[in-house]
Amino acid sequence: MDNSQKILKMISGFIEAGVLTTQDLKKELMTSMKFKKENLASKLDLVTRDEFVILKRLIDKQQKEINSLKKNKKSKRAKKS
């Protein structure tokens, strides 16, 4: 079913149920769209900004450790030669 058909079917359902004012119709549409947005976000398994920042810091810290270990390895090889 096409998105426009879904919306029209939803609107006709609201009218049949007794939702007659535009304010009520707007409120019902916003609630429905908000629910769909939250449902989509939960399916995508998104992370919060705080979690993202924490993971980014951990990755930066690990990258610095890797770089320092590479430098130490190179300097040890140079000393052996």
N, C-alpha and C. Protein backbone atom coordinates (compact mmCIF):
# COMPACT_ATOMS: atom_id res chain seq x y z
N MET A 1 0.85 -1.17 0.00
CA MET A 1 0.00 0.00 0.00
C MET A 1 0.89 1.24 0.00
N ASP A 2 0.54 2.20 -0.77
CA ASP A 2 1.30 3.44 -0.90
C ASP A 2 1.16 4.28 0.36
N ASN A 3 2.19 5.10 0.66
CA ASN A 3 2.15 5.94 1.87
C ASN A 3 0.97 6.89 1.86
N SER A 4 0.68 7.49 0.71
CA SER A 4 -0.44 8.43 0.64
C SER A 4 -1.76 7.70 0.90
N GLN A 5 -1.86 6.47 0.43
CA GLN A 5 -3.08 5.70 0.69
C GLN A 5 -3.20 5.37 2.17
N LYS A 6 -2.07 5.07 2.81
CA LYS A 6 -2.10 4.78 4.24
C LYS A 6 -2.58 6.00 5.03
N ILE A 7 -2.06 7.17 4.65
CA ILE A 7 -2.45 8.40 5.35
C ILE A 7 -3.93 8.68 5.15
N LEU A 8 -4.41 8.54 3.91
CA LEU A 8 -5.83 8.77 3.64
C LEU A 8 -6.71 7.78 4.39
N LYS A 9 -6.27 6.53 4.46
CA LYS A 9 -7.03 5.53 5.19
C LYS A 9 -7.06 5.86 6.68
N MET A 10 -5.91 6.35 7.20
CA MET A 10 -5.84 6.73 8.61
C MET A 10 -6.77 7.91 8.89
N ILE A 11 -6.76 8.90 8.00
CA ILE A 11 -7.62 10.08 8.18
C ILE A 11 -9.08 9.68 8.12
N SER A 12 -9.44 8.81 7.17
CA SER A 12 -10.84 8.38 7.07
C SER A 12 -11.24 7.60 8.32
N GLY A 13 -10.30 6.83 8.87
CA GLY A 13 -10.59 6.12 10.11
C GLY A 13 -10.84 7.06 11.26
N PHE A 14 -10.07 8.16 11.33
CA PHE A 14 -10.28 9.16 12.37
C PHE A 14 -11.65 9.81 12.23
N ILE A 15 -12.02 10.13 11.00
CA ILE A 15 -13.32 10.78 10.76
C ILE A 15 -14.45 9.83 11.14
N GLU A 16 -14.32 8.57 10.77
CA GLU A 16 -15.34 7.58 11.12
C GLU A 16 -15.45 7.40 12.64
N ALA A 17 -14.32 7.52 13.32
CA ALA A 17 -14.32 7.34 14.77
C ALA A 17 -14.86 8.56 15.51
N GLY A 18 -15.10 9.65 14.80
CA GLY A 18 -15.68 10.82 15.44
C GLY A 18 -14.70 11.96 15.63
N VAL A 19 -13.53 11.88 15.07
CA VAL A 19 -12.57 12.96 15.17
C VAL A 19 -12.94 13.97 14.09
N LEU A 20 -13.56 15.05 14.50
CA LEU A 20 -14.08 15.99 13.52
C LEU A 20 -13.31 17.30 13.44
N THR A 21 -12.71 17.71 14.51
CA THR A 21 -12.03 19.00 14.49
C THR A 21 -10.62 18.85 13.93
N THR A 22 -10.12 19.91 13.35
CA THR A 22 -8.78 19.87 12.77
C THR A 22 -7.72 19.75 13.86
N GLN A 23 -7.99 20.32 15.02
CA GLN A 23 -7.04 20.21 16.13
C GLN A 23 -6.89 18.75 16.57
N ASP A 24 -8.01 18.07 16.68
CA ASP A 24 -7.96 16.66 17.05
C ASP A 24 -7.27 15.83 15.98
N LEU A 25 -7.56 16.15 14.71
CA LEU A 25 -6.95 15.43 13.61
C LEU A 25 -5.44 15.64 13.60
N LYS A 26 -5.02 16.89 13.83
CA LYS A 26 -3.59 17.20 13.88
C LYS A 26 -2.93 16.45 15.03
N LYS A 27 -3.58 16.44 16.18
CA LYS A 27 -3.03 15.76 17.35
C LYS A 27 -2.88 14.25 17.09
N GLU A 28 -3.88 13.64 16.49
CA GLU A 28 -3.83 12.22 16.18
C GLU A 28 -2.75 11.90 15.15
N LEU A 29 -2.60 12.74 14.14
CA LEU A 29 -1.56 12.55 13.14
C LEU A 29 -0.17 12.67 13.76
N MET A 30 0.02 13.67 14.60
CA MET A 30 1.31 13.86 15.25
C MET A 30 1.65 12.67 16.16
N THR A 31 0.67 12.19 16.88
CA THR A 31 0.88 11.04 17.75
C THR A 31 1.26 9.81 16.92
N SER A 32 0.55 9.62 15.82
CA SER A 32 0.83 8.47 14.97
C SER A 32 2.23 8.56 14.36
N MET A 33 2.60 9.73 13.89
CA MET A 33 3.93 9.92 13.29
C MET A 33 5.04 9.76 14.34
N LYS A 34 4.79 10.26 15.54
CA LYS A 34 5.77 10.12 16.62
C LYS A 34 5.98 8.65 16.96
N PHE A 35 4.90 7.89 17.00
CA PHE A 35 4.99 6.46 17.27
C PHE A 35 5.78 5.75 16.18
N LYS A 36 5.51 6.08 14.93
CA LYS A 36 6.24 5.47 13.82
C LYS A 36 7.72 5.82 13.86
N LYS A 37 8.04 7.08 14.22
CA LYS A 37 9.43 7.51 14.33
C LYS A 37 10.15 6.74 15.43
N GLU A 38 9.52 6.61 16.58
CA GLU A 38 10.13 5.88 17.68
C GLU A 38 10.31 4.40 17.34
N ASN A 39 9.35 3.84 16.64
CA ASN A 39 9.43 2.44 16.22
C ASN A 39 10.60 2.24 15.27
N LEU A 40 10.76 3.16 14.32
CA LEU A 40 11.87 3.07 13.37
C LEU A 40 13.21 3.23 14.08
N ALA A 41 13.28 4.17 15.01
CA ALA A 41 14.53 4.39 15.75
C ALA A 41 14.91 3.16 16.57
N SER A 42 13.93 2.48 17.14
CA SER A 42 14.24 1.28 17.92
C SER A 42 14.70 0.15 17.02
N LYS A 43 14.18 0.07 15.81
CA LYS A 43 14.63 -0.96 14.87
C LYS A 43 16.05 -0.71 14.41
N LEU A 44 16.45 0.55 14.31
CA LEU A 44 17.80 0.89 13.85
C LEU A 44 18.86 0.67 14.92
N ASP A 45 18.45 0.45 16.16
CA ASP A 45 19.37 0.20 17.26
C ASP A 45 20.37 1.35 17.40
N LEU A 46 19.85 2.57 17.50
CA LEU A 46 20.68 3.76 17.62
C LEU A 46 21.23 3.90 19.03
N VAL A 47 22.33 4.64 19.16
CA VAL A 47 22.92 4.90 20.47
C VAL A 47 22.70 6.36 20.83
N THR A 48 22.79 6.65 22.12
CA THR A 48 22.64 8.03 22.56
C THR A 48 23.94 8.79 22.31
N ARG A 49 23.86 10.09 22.37
CA ARG A 49 25.04 10.94 22.16
C ARG A 49 26.10 10.64 23.21
N ASP A 50 25.67 10.45 24.45
CA ASP A 50 26.61 10.15 25.54
C ASP A 50 27.37 8.85 25.28
N GLU A 51 26.65 7.82 24.86
CA GLU A 51 27.31 6.55 24.55
C GLU A 51 28.31 6.72 23.41
N PHE A 52 27.92 7.49 22.41
CA PHE A 52 28.80 7.72 21.26
C PHE A 52 30.08 8.43 21.68
N VAL A 53 29.95 9.45 22.51
CA VAL A 53 31.12 10.21 22.98
C VAL A 53 32.05 9.32 23.79
N ILE A 54 31.48 8.50 24.67
CA ILE A 54 32.29 7.61 25.49
C ILE A 54 33.06 6.62 24.61
N LEU A 55 32.36 6.02 23.64
CA LEU A 55 33.04 5.07 22.74
C LEU A 55 34.12 5.76 21.92
N LYS A 56 33.87 6.98 21.49
CA LYS A 56 34.86 7.73 20.71
C LYS A 56 36.11 7.98 21.56
N ARG A 57 35.93 8.34 22.81
CA ARG A 57 37.09 8.55 23.70
C ARG A 57 37.88 7.27 23.89
N LEU A 58 37.18 6.15 24.07
CA LEU A 58 37.86 4.87 24.23
C LEU A 58 38.67 4.52 22.99
N ILE A 59 38.10 4.75 21.83
CA ILE A 59 38.81 4.45 20.58
C ILE A 59 40.04 5.35 20.44
N ASP A 60 39.88 6.63 20.76
CA ASP A 60 41.03 7.55 20.69
C ASP A 60 42.15 7.10 21.64
N LYS A 61 41.79 6.70 22.84
CA LYS A 61 42.77 6.23 23.82
C LYS A 61 43.49 4.99 23.31
N GLN A 62 42.74 4.05 22.76
CA GLN A 62 43.33 2.82 22.24
C GLN A 62 44.23 3.12 21.05
N GLN A 63 43.83 4.06 20.20
CA GLN A 63 44.66 4.42 19.05
C GLN A 63 45.99 5.02 19.50
N LYS A 64 45.97 5.84 20.54
CA LYS A 64 47.21 6.40 21.07
C LYS A 64 48.12 5.30 21.60
N GLU A 65 47.53 4.32 22.30
CA GLU A 65 48.33 3.21 22.82
C GLU A 65 48.93 2.39 21.68
N ILE A 66 48.17 2.16 20.65
CA ILE A 66 48.67 1.41 19.49
C ILE A 66 49.83 2.16 18.85
N ASN A 67 49.67 3.46 18.67
CA ASN A 67 50.74 4.27 18.06
C ASN A 67 52.00 4.25 18.91
N SER A 68 51.84 4.35 20.23
CA SER A 68 53.03 4.32 21.10
C SER A 68 53.69 2.95 21.06
N LEU A 69 52.92 1.88 20.99
CA LEU A 69 53.50 0.55 20.89
C LEU A 69 54.24 0.36 19.57
N LYS A 70 53.71 0.92 18.50
CA LYS A 70 54.39 0.84 17.20
C LYS A 70 55.72 1.58 17.25
N LYS A 71 55.73 2.75 17.91
CA LYS A 71 56.96 3.53 18.02
C LYS A 71 58.00 2.74 18.83
N ASN A 72 57.57 2.15 19.93
CA ASN A 72 58.48 1.36 20.77
C ASN A 72 59.03 0.17 20.00
N LYS A 73 58.20 -0.47 19.20
CA LYS A 73 58.64 -1.61 18.42
C LYS A 73 59.68 -1.19 17.38
N LYS A 74 59.45 -0.05 16.73
CA LYS A 74 60.39 0.44 15.73
C LYS A 74 61.72 0.82 16.36
N SER A 75 61.67 1.45 17.53
CA SER A 75 62.91 1.87 18.20
C SER A 75 63.70 0.66 18.68
N LYS A 76 63.02 -0.40 19.13
CA LYS A 76 63.71 -1.61 19.56
C LYS A 76 64.39 -2.29 18.37
N ARG A 77 63.74 -2.29 17.23
CA ARG A 77 64.32 -2.89 16.02
C ARG A 77 65.56 -2.10 15.58
N ALA A 78 65.48 -0.78 15.68
CA ALA A 78 66.60 0.07 15.27
C ALA A 78 67.81 -0.17 16.20
N LYS A 79 67.56 -0.40 17.49
CA LYS A 79 68.65 -0.64 18.46
C LYS A 79 69.32 -1.98 18.21
N LYS A 80 68.53 -2.98 17.78
CA LYS A 80 69.08 -4.31 17.51
C LYS A 80 70.00 -4.30 16.30
N SER A 81 69.74 -3.46 15.34
CA SER A 81 70.54 -3.43 14.09
C SER A 81 71.88 -2.87 14.26
